[in-house]
Every structure is written in structure tokens, then in C-alpha cells.
PDB file of N, CA and C in Angstrom:
ATOM      1  N   MET A   1     127.536 118.102 212.851  1.00  0.00           N
ATOM      2  CA  MET A   1     126.640 118.356 211.740  1.00  0.00           C
ATOM      3  C   MET A   1     126.430 119.863 211.526  1.00  0.00           C
ATOM      4  N   HIS A   2     126.302 120.593 212.621  1.00  0.00           N
ATOM      5  CA  HIS A   2     126.088 122.044 212.525  1.00  0.00           C
ATOM      6  C   HIS A   2     127.369 122.737 211.985  1.00  0.00           C
ATOM      7  N   ASN A   3     128.515 122.281 212.325  1.00  0.00           N
ATOM      8  CA  ASN A   3     129.760 122.871 211.838  1.00  0.00           C
ATOM      9  C   ASN A   3     129.912 122.610 210.332  1.00  0.00           C
ATOM     10  N   LEU A   4     129.467 121.450 209.880  1.00  0.00           N
ATOM     11  CA  LEU A   4     129.493 121.175 208.470  1.00  0.00           C
ATOM     12  C   LEU A   4     128.563 122.080 207.694  1.00  0.00           C
ATOM     13  N   LEU A   5     127.369 122.277 208.230  1.00  0.00           N
ATOM     14  CA  LEU A   5     126.418 123.191 207.592  1.00  0.00           C
ATOM     15  C   LEU A   5     126.918 124.631 207.608  1.00  0.00           C
ATOM     16  N   ALA A   6     127.589 125.054 208.672  1.00  0.00           N
ATOM     17  CA  ALA A   6     128.114 126.386 208.700  1.00  0.00           C
ATOM     18  C   ALA A   6     129.251 126.553 207.677  1.00  0.00           C
ATOM     19  N   LEU A   7     130.056 125.560 207.499  1.00  0.00           N
ATOM     20  CA  LEU A   7     131.117 125.603 206.472  1.00  0.00           C
ATOM     21  C   LEU A   7     130.524 125.648 205.075  1.00  0.00           C
ATOM     22  N   ILE A   8     129.478 124.867 204.847  1.00  0.00           N
ATOM     23  CA  ILE A   8     128.806 124.871 203.517  1.00  0.00           C
ATOM     24  C   ILE A   8     128.229 126.256 203.284  1.00  0.00           C
ATOM     25  N   ALA A   9     127.546 126.872 204.262  1.00  0.00           N
ATOM     26  CA  ALA A   9     126.946 128.191 204.075  1.00  0.00           C
ATOM     27  C   ALA A   9     128.058 129.227 203.850  1.00  0.00           C
ATOM     28  N   LEU A  10     129.119 129.171 204.616  1.00  0.00           N
ATOM     29  CA  LEU A  10     130.188 130.112 204.493  1.00  0.00           C
ATOM     30  C   LEU A  10     130.823 130.013 203.096  1.00  0.00           C
ATOM     31  N   PHE A  11     131.059 128.822 202.628  1.00  0.00           N
ATOM     32  CA  PHE A  11     131.609 128.660 201.289  1.00  0.00           C
ATOM     33  C   PHE A  11     130.700 129.176 200.228  1.00  0.00           C
ATOM     34  N   ALA A  12     129.431 128.867 200.371  1.00  0.00           N
ATOM     35  CA  ALA A  12     128.448 129.266 199.326  1.00  0.00           C
ATOM     36  C   ALA A  12     128.295 130.787 199.315  1.00  0.00           C
ATOM     37  N   TYR A  13     128.180 131.439 200.490  1.00  0.00           N
ATOM     38  CA  TYR A  13     128.105 132.900 200.490  1.00  0.00           C
ATOM     39  C   TYR A  13     129.352 133.515 199.935  1.00  0.00           C
ATOM     40  N   SER A  14     130.512 132.999 200.252  1.00  0.00           N
ATOM     41  CA  SER A  14     131.769 133.573 199.745  1.00  0.00           C
ATOM     42  C   SER A  14     131.881 133.430 198.243  1.00  0.00           C
ATOM     43  N   VAL A  15     131.590 132.245 197.735  1.00  0.00           N
ATOM     44  CA  VAL A  15     131.681 132.018 196.281  1.00  0.00           C
ATOM     45  C   VAL A  15     130.692 132.902 195.523  1.00  0.00           C
ATOM     46  N   ALA A  16     129.474 133.004 196.030  1.00  0.00           N
ATOM     47  CA  ALA A  16     128.469 133.825 195.338  1.00  0.00           C
ATOM     48  C   ALA A  16     128.874 135.278 195.295  1.00  0.00           C
ATOM     49  N   SER A  17     129.409 135.807 196.436  1.00  0.00           N
ATOM     50  CA  SER A  17     129.794 137.214 196.468  1.00  0.00           C
ATOM     51  C   SER A  17     130.994 137.422 195.576  1.00  0.00           C
ATOM     52  N   LEU A  18     131.945 136.522 195.535  1.00  0.00           N
ATOM     53  CA  LEU A  18     133.101 136.679 194.640  1.00  0.00           C
ATOM     54  C   LEU A  18     132.688 136.609 193.159  1.00  0.00           C
ATOM     55  N   ARG A  19     131.688 135.811 192.848  1.00  0.00           N
ATOM     56  CA  ARG A  19     131.189 135.720 191.480  1.00  0.00           C
ATOM     57  C   ARG A  19     130.542 137.026 191.020  1.00  0.00           C
ATOM     58  N   ILE A  20     129.778 137.640 191.944  1.00  0.00           N
ATOM     59  CA  ILE A  20     129.193 138.933 191.605  1.00  0.00           C
ATOM     60  C   ILE A  20     130.250 139.992 191.472  1.00  0.00           C
ATOM     61  N   LEU A  21     131.273 139.943 192.325  1.00  0.00           N
ATOM     62  CA  LEU A  21     132.339 140.903 192.324  1.00  0.00           C
ATOM     63  C   LEU A  21     133.176 140.779 191.028  1.00  0.00           C
ATOM     64  N   ALA A  22     133.305 139.560 190.522  1.00  0.00           N
ATOM     65  CA  ALA A  22     134.127 139.335 189.341  1.00  0.00           C
ATOM     66  C   ALA A  22     133.338 139.441 188.037  1.00  0.00           C
ATOM     67  N   TYR A  23     132.129 139.915 188.063  1.00  0.00           N
ATOM     68  CA  TYR A  23     131.301 140.026 186.836  1.00  0.00           C
ATOM     69  C   TYR A  23     131.902 141.023 185.889  1.00  0.00           C
ATOM     70  N   ARG A  24     132.012 140.701 184.628  1.00  0.00           N
ATOM     71  CA  ARG A  24     132.439 141.591 183.551  1.00  0.00           C
ATOM     72  C   ARG A  24     131.259 141.808 182.630  1.00  0.00           C
ATOM     73  N   ARG A  25     130.941 143.096 182.341  1.00  0.00           N
ATOM     74  CA  ARG A  25     129.751 143.328 181.554  1.00  0.00           C
ATOM     75  C   ARG A  25     129.927 143.095 180.089  1.00  0.00           C
ATOM     76  N   GLU A  26     131.143 143.257 179.521  1.00  0.00           N
ATOM     77  CA  GLU A  26     131.386 142.940 178.095  1.00  0.00           C
ATOM     78  C   GLU A  26     130.319 143.447 177.142  1.00  0.00           C
ATOM     79  N   GLY A  27     130.111 144.728 177.110  1.00  0.00           N
ATOM     80  CA  GLY A  27     129.200 145.336 176.175  1.00  0.00           C
ATOM     81  C   GLY A  27     127.748 145.490 176.684  1.00  0.00           C
ATOM     82  N   ALA A  28     127.458 144.981 177.839  1.00  0.00           N
ATOM     83  CA  ALA A  28     126.085 145.106 178.385  1.00  0.00           C
ATOM     84  C   ALA A  28     125.859 146.561 178.847  1.00  0.00           C
ATOM     85  N   ARG A  29     124.610 146.947 178.804  1.00  0.00           N
ATOM     86  CA  ARG A  29     124.299 148.311 179.240  1.00  0.00           C
ATOM     87  C   ARG A  29     124.491 148.470 180.724  1.00  0.00           C
ATOM     88  N   HIS A  30     124.913 149.676 181.119  1.00  0.00           N
ATOM     89  CA  HIS A  30     125.043 149.946 182.549  1.00  0.00           C
ATOM     90  C   HIS A  30     123.800 150.648 183.011  1.00  0.00           C
ATOM     91  N   ARG A  31     123.128 150.038 184.000  1.00  0.00           N
ATOM     92  CA  ARG A  31     121.914 150.661 184.583  1.00  0.00           C
ATOM     93  C   ARG A  31     122.158 150.845 186.048  1.00  0.00           C
ATOM     94  N   HIS A  32     121.930 152.102 186.488  1.00  0.00           N
ATOM     95  CA  HIS A  32     122.269 152.495 187.839  1.00  0.00           C
ATOM     96  C   HIS A  32     121.494 151.707 188.871  1.00  0.00           C
ATOM     97  N   HIS A  33     120.200 151.495 188.657  1.00  0.00           N
ATOM     98  CA  HIS A  33     119.405 150.786 189.678  1.00  0.00           C
ATOM     99  C   HIS A  33     119.837 149.342 189.786  1.00  0.00           C
ATOM    100  N   ILE A  34     120.252 148.722 188.716  1.00  0.00           N
ATOM    101  CA  ILE A  34     120.748 147.325 188.763  1.00  0.00           C
ATOM    102  C   ILE A  34     122.109 147.282 189.459  1.00  0.00           C
ATOM    103  N   SER A  35     122.935 148.250 189.241  1.00  0.00           N
ATOM    104  CA  SER A  35     124.220 148.267 189.872  1.00  0.00           C
ATOM    105  C   SER A  35     124.131 148.484 191.340  1.00  0.00           C
ATOM    106  N   TRP A  36     123.145 149.298 191.777  1.00  0.00           N
ATOM    107  CA  TRP A  36     122.889 149.490 193.242  1.00  0.00           C
ATOM    108  C   TRP A  36     122.362 148.207 193.838  1.00  0.00           C
ATOM    109  N   PHE A  37     121.504 147.518 193.128  1.00  0.00           N
ATOM    110  CA  PHE A  37     120.993 146.261 193.662  1.00  0.00           C
ATOM    111  C   PHE A  37     122.078 145.192 193.740  1.00  0.00           C
ATOM    112  N   ALA A  38     122.948 145.178 192.733  1.00  0.00           N
ATOM    113  CA  ALA A  38     124.059 144.249 192.775  1.00  0.00           C
ATOM    114  C   ALA A  38     125.018 144.554 193.916  1.00  0.00           C
ATOM    115  N   TRP A  39     125.277 145.854 194.182  1.00  0.00           N
ATOM    116  CA  TRP A  39     126.062 146.221 195.336  1.00  0.00           C
ATOM    117  C   TRP A  39     125.402 145.782 196.646  1.00  0.00           C
ATOM    118  N   LEU A  40     124.062 145.977 196.771  1.00  0.00           N
ATOM    119  CA  LEU A  40     123.366 145.549 197.923  1.00  0.00           C
ATOM    120  C   LEU A  40     123.394 144.064 198.128  1.00  0.00           C
ATOM    121  N   LEU A  41     123.214 143.284 197.046  1.00  0.00           N
ATOM    122  CA  LEU A  41     123.283 141.856 197.123  1.00  0.00           C
ATOM    123  C   LEU A  41     124.696 141.406 197.500  1.00  0.00           C
ATOM    124  N   LEU A  42     125.690 142.073 196.957  1.00  0.00           N
ATOM    125  CA  LEU A  42     127.096 141.722 197.332  1.00  0.00           C
ATOM    126  C   LEU A  42     127.372 142.003 198.774  1.00  0.00           C
ATOM    127  N   ALA A  43     126.835 143.129 199.298  1.00  0.00           N
ATOM    128  CA  ALA A  43     127.043 143.475 200.695  1.00  0.00           C
ATOM    129  C   ALA A  43     126.312 142.483 201.643  1.00  0.00           C
ATOM    130  N   VAL A  44     125.144 142.042 201.253  1.00  0.00           N
ATOM    131  CA  VAL A  44     124.370 141.117 202.064  1.00  0.00           C
ATOM    132  C   VAL A  44     125.058 139.725 202.078  1.00  0.00           C
ATOM    133  N   LEU A  45     125.451 139.269 200.900  1.00  0.00           N
ATOM    134  CA  LEU A  45     126.094 137.965 200.839  1.00  0.00           C
ATOM    135  C   LEU A  45     127.471 137.974 201.518  1.00  0.00           C
ATOM    136  N   GLY A  46     128.236 139.021 201.256  1.00  0.00           N
ATOM    137  CA  GLY A  46     129.519 139.133 201.923  1.00  0.00           C
ATOM    138  C   GLY A  46     129.429 139.317 203.421  1.00  0.00           C
ATOM    139  N   GLY A  47     128.401 140.127 203.807  1.00  0.00           N
ATOM    140  CA  GLY A  47     128.167 140.335 205.267  1.00  0.00           C
ATOM    141  C   GLY A  47     127.748 139.036 205.963  1.00  0.00           C
ATOM    142  N   SER A  48     126.993 138.234 205.249  1.00  0.00           N
ATOM    143  CA  SER A  48     126.555 136.941 205.821  1.00  0.00           C
ATOM    144  C   SER A  48     127.777 136.029 206.029  1.00  0.00           C
ATOM    145  N   ALA A  49     128.707 136.053 205.064  1.00  0.00           N
ATOM    146  CA  ALA A  49     129.909 135.256 205.187  1.00  0.00           C
ATOM    147  C   ALA A  49     130.762 135.758 206.348  1.00  0.00           C
ATOM    148  N   ILE A  50     130.892 137.068 206.449  1.00  0.00           N
ATOM    149  CA  ILE A  50     131.697 137.642 207.539  1.00  0.00           C
ATOM    150  C   ILE A  50     131.037 137.338 208.901  1.00  0.00           C
ATOM    151  N   GLU A  51     129.721 137.430 208.959  1.00  0.00           N
ATOM    152  CA  GLU A  51     128.995 137.125 210.206  1.00  0.00           C
ATOM    153  C   GLU A  51     129.211 135.695 210.638  1.00  0.00           C
ATOM    154  N   LEU A  52     129.265 134.781 209.679  1.00  0.00           N
ATOM    155  CA  LEU A  52     129.520 133.373 210.023  1.00  0.00           C
ATOM    156  C   LEU A  52     130.933 133.180 210.530  1.00  0.00           C
ATOM    157  N   ILE A  53     131.860 133.972 210.012  1.00  0.00           N
ATOM    158  CA  ILE A  53     133.261 133.860 210.490  1.00  0.00           C
ATOM    159  C   ILE A  53     133.415 134.459 211.878  1.00  0.00           C
ATOM    160  N   VAL A  54     132.839 135.610 212.077  1.00  0.00           N
ATOM    161  CA  VAL A  54     133.044 136.329 213.357  1.00  0.00           C
ATOM    162  C   VAL A  54     132.178 135.750 214.476  1.00  0.00           C
ATOM    163  N   HIS A  55     130.938 135.535 214.221  1.00  0.00           N
ATOM    164  CA  HIS A  55     130.027 135.025 215.236  1.00  0.00           C
ATOM    165  C   HIS A  55     129.666 133.554 214.910  1.00  0.00           C
ATOM    166  N   ALA A  56     130.469 132.634 215.446  1.00  0.00           N
ATOM    167  CA  ALA A  56     130.216 131.242 215.195  1.00  0.00           C
ATOM    168  C   ALA A  56     128.874 130.896 215.860  1.00  0.00           C
ATOM    169  N   LYS A  57     127.939 130.518 215.083  1.00  0.00           N
ATOM    170  CA  LYS A  57     126.595 130.144 215.562  1.00  0.00           C
ATOM    171  C   LYS A  57     126.166 128.848 214.926  1.00  0.00           C
ATOM    172  N   THR A  58     125.118 128.300 215.430  1.00  0.00           N
ATOM    173  CA  THR A  58     124.635 127.077 214.806  1.00  0.00           C
ATOM    174  C   THR A  58     123.851 127.467 213.530  1.00  0.00           C
ATOM    175  N   VAL A  59     124.149 126.773 212.514  1.00  0.00           N
ATOM    176  CA  VAL A  59     123.516 127.012 211.212  1.00  0.00           C
ATOM    177  C   VAL A  59     122.640 125.807 210.960  1.00  0.00           C
ATOM    178  N   GLY A  60     121.369 126.087 210.612  1.00  0.00           N
ATOM    179  CA  GLY A  60     120.466 125.046 210.329  1.00  0.00           C
ATOM    180  C   GLY A  60     120.506 124.624 208.865  1.00  0.00           C
ATOM    181  N   PHE A  61     119.796 123.558 208.595  1.00  0.00           N
ATOM    182  CA  PHE A  61     119.781 123.046 207.202  1.00  0.00           C
ATOM    183  C   PHE A  61     119.235 124.081 206.251  1.00  0.00           C
ATOM    184  N   PHE A  62     118.193 124.847 206.642  1.00  0.00           N
ATOM    185  CA  PHE A  62     117.550 125.740 205.679  1.00  0.00           C
ATOM    186  C   PHE A  62     118.421 126.963 205.408  1.00  0.00           C
ATOM    187  N   GLU A  63     119.212 127.425 206.346  1.00  0.00           N
ATOM    188  CA  GLU A  63     120.122 128.518 206.032  1.00  0.00           C
ATOM    189  C   GLU A  63     121.256 128.070 205.072  1.00  0.00           C
ATOM    190  N   ALA A  64     121.753 126.857 205.285  1.00  0.00           N
ATOM    191  CA  ALA A  64     122.752 126.346 204.361  1.00  0.00           C
ATOM    192  C   ALA A  64     122.123 126.133 202.991  1.00  0.00           C
ATOM    193  N   ALA A  65     120.911 125.626 202.940  1.00  0.00           N
ATOM    194  CA  ALA A  65     120.225 125.440 201.671  1.00  0.00           C
ATOM    195  C   ALA A  65     119.978 126.751 200.959  1.00  0.00           C
ATOM    196  N   ARG A  66     119.634 127.771 201.730  1.00  0.00           N
ATOM    197  CA  ARG A  66     119.424 129.115 201.148  1.00  0.00           C
ATOM    198  C   ARG A  66     120.692 129.653 200.545  1.00  0.00           C
ATOM    199  N   ALA A  67     121.809 129.462 201.222  1.00  0.00           N
ATOM    200  CA  ALA A  67     123.114 129.924 200.752  1.00  0.00           C
ATOM    201  C   ALA A  67     123.479 129.173 199.462  1.00  0.00           C
ATOM    202  N   VAL A  68     123.278 127.910 199.408  1.00  0.00           N
ATOM    203  CA  VAL A  68     123.594 127.109 198.230  1.00  0.00           C
ATOM    204  C   VAL A  68     122.662 127.523 197.076  1.00  0.00           C
ATOM    205  N   THR A  69     121.388 127.826 197.339  1.00  0.00           N
ATOM    206  CA  THR A  69     120.451 128.249 196.336  1.00  0.00           C
ATOM    207  C   THR A  69     120.829 129.577 195.761  1.00  0.00           C
ATOM    208  N   PHE A  70     121.252 130.555 196.596  1.00  0.00           N
ATOM    209  CA  PHE A  70     121.735 131.789 196.100  1.00  0.00           C
ATOM    210  C   PHE A  70     122.950 131.602 195.197  1.00  0.00           C
ATOM    211  N   THR A  71     123.833 130.735 195.603  1.00  0.00           N
ATOM    212  CA  THR A  71     125.063 130.484 194.805  1.00  0.00           C
ATOM    213  C   THR A  71     124.651 129.871 193.435  1.00  0.00           C
ATOM    214  N   ILE A  72     123.756 128.945 193.418  1.00  0.00           N
ATOM    215  CA  ILE A  72     123.320 128.345 192.142  1.00  0.00           C
ATOM    216  C   ILE A  72     122.664 129.377 191.251  1.00  0.00           C
ATOM    217  N   LEU A  73     121.816 130.262 191.816  1.00  0.00           N
ATOM    218  CA  LEU A  73     121.242 131.297 191.019  1.00  0.00           C
ATOM    219  C   LEU A  73     122.218 132.303 190.426  1.00  0.00           C
ATOM    220  N   VAL A  74     123.190 132.694 191.263  1.00  0.00           N
ATOM    221  CA  VAL A  74     124.207 133.658 190.827  1.00  0.00           C
ATOM    222  C   VAL A  74     125.064 133.021 189.732  1.00  0.00           C
ATOM    223  N   PHE A  75     125.459 131.793 189.874  1.00  0.00           N
ATOM    224  CA  PHE A  75     126.256 131.139 188.853  1.00  0.00           C
ATOM    225  C   PHE A  75     125.455 130.834 187.595  1.00  0.00           C
ATOM    226  N   GLY A  76     124.168 130.567 187.766  1.00  0.00           N
ATOM    227  CA  GLY A  76     123.289 130.379 186.609  1.00  0.00           C
ATOM    228  C   GLY A  76     123.160 131.631 185.774  1.00  0.00           C
ATOM    229  N   ALA A  77     123.203 132.744 186.411  1.00  0.00           N
ATOM    230  CA  ALA A  77     123.160 134.067 185.724  1.00  0.00           C
ATOM    231  C   ALA A  77     124.540 134.537 185.383  1.00  0.00           C
ATOM    232  N   ARG A  78     125.580 133.787 185.645  1.00  0.00           N
ATOM    233  CA  ARG A  78     126.974 134.099 185.398  1.00  0.00           C
ATOM    234  C   ARG A  78     127.390 135.417 186.082  1.00  0.00           C
ATOM    235  N   GLY A  79     126.804 135.687 187.279  1.00  0.00           N
ATOM    236  CA  GLY A  79     127.129 136.858 188.023  1.00  0.00           C
ATOM    237  C   GLY A  79     126.402 138.125 187.571  1.00  0.00           C
ATOM    238  N   ASN A  80     125.579 138.017 186.567  1.00  0.00           N
ATOM    239  CA  ASN A  80     124.765 139.139 186.052  1.00  0.00           C
ATOM    240  C   ASN A  80     123.521 139.305 186.859  1.00  0.00           C
ATOM    241  N   VAL A  81     123.500 140.323 187.715  1.00  0.00           N
ATOM    242  CA  VAL A  81     122.389 140.549 188.601  1.00  0.00           C
ATOM    243  C   VAL A  81     121.150 140.986 187.809  1.00  0.00           C
ATOM    244  N   ALA A  82     121.316 141.678 186.720  1.00  0.00           N
ATOM    245  CA  ALA A  82     120.153 142.073 185.889  1.00  0.00           C
ATOM    246  C   ALA A  82     119.473 140.836 185.373  1.00  0.00           C
ATOM    247  N   ARG A  83     120.193 139.769 185.061  1.00  0.00           N
ATOM    248  CA  ARG A  83     119.628 138.533 184.605  1.00  0.00           C
ATOM    249  C   ARG A  83     118.825 137.839 185.713  1.00  0.00           C
ATOM    250  N   LEU A  84     119.280 138.035 186.938  1.00  0.00           N
ATOM    251  CA  LEU A  84     118.518 137.500 188.069  1.00  0.00           C
ATOM    252  C   LEU A  84     117.196 138.159 188.218  1.00  0.00           C
ATOM    253  N   LEU A  85     117.113 139.442 187.912  1.00  0.00           N
ATOM    254  CA  LEU A  85     115.892 140.223 188.103  1.00  0.00           C
ATOM    255  C   LEU A  85     114.937 140.158 186.922  1.00  0.00           C
ATOM    256  N   ARG A  86     115.449 139.755 185.763  1.00  0.00           N
ATOM    257  CA  ARG A  86     114.624 139.690 184.567  1.00  0.00           C
ATOM    258  C   ARG A  86     113.500 138.712 184.708  1.00  0.00           C
ATOM    259  N   SER A  87     112.300 139.162 184.362  1.00  0.00           N
ATOM    260  CA  SER A  87     111.146 138.241 184.451  1.00  0.00           C
ATOM    261  C   SER A  87     111.089 137.361 183.243  1.00  0.00           C
ATOM    262  N   ALA A  88     110.593 136.179 183.364  1.00  0.00           N
ATOM    263  CA  ALA A  88     110.553 135.217 182.307  1.00  0.00           C
ATOM    264  C   ALA A  88     109.537 135.527 181.256  1.00  0.00           C
TER     265      ALA A  88
END
């Protein structure tokens, strides 16, 4: 069970970081503070994926759920980090 959760978390972190990395702005404004936050989010998500690969540890349900939640949010915003930060 723990290996399955680790694979789910690894896949979710990898897919979310690749989606942020593949974002195309297509006419959107460039804001430096948003791009720095996107870089930080990409580093954290990618680092989490690398950490799961290098240091095989037990992954609980909530860490896997957190990874899937991040992935759903990133794909809902289509990789646009500014849209993630925008208040409703």
C-alpha cells in the first residue's frame, strides 16, 4: 500500500512540475514576483519528486492526497501560477 501511495505522489509531483514548466503565457503580462513564485513552486514540486526517487520512504495517504491536490490545482489553472494566486 505504501509503495502505491509513493508512486501516486511521485507521479502527481512530476506531472504538476512539468505542467508549470510547460506553461505558455500567450500574451499574458510578465510579472517578476509571480515568476519567482512559479520558480519556487516548480523547485518544491520537482524537489519533492526527486526526494521520493532518491530517498525511498513510506508515504502516507495525506502526502499522496496533497500531491494529487496540487496537481489538480495546477491543471485547473492550466499551469498559470498567477491564476492560482488570484483571489476570488
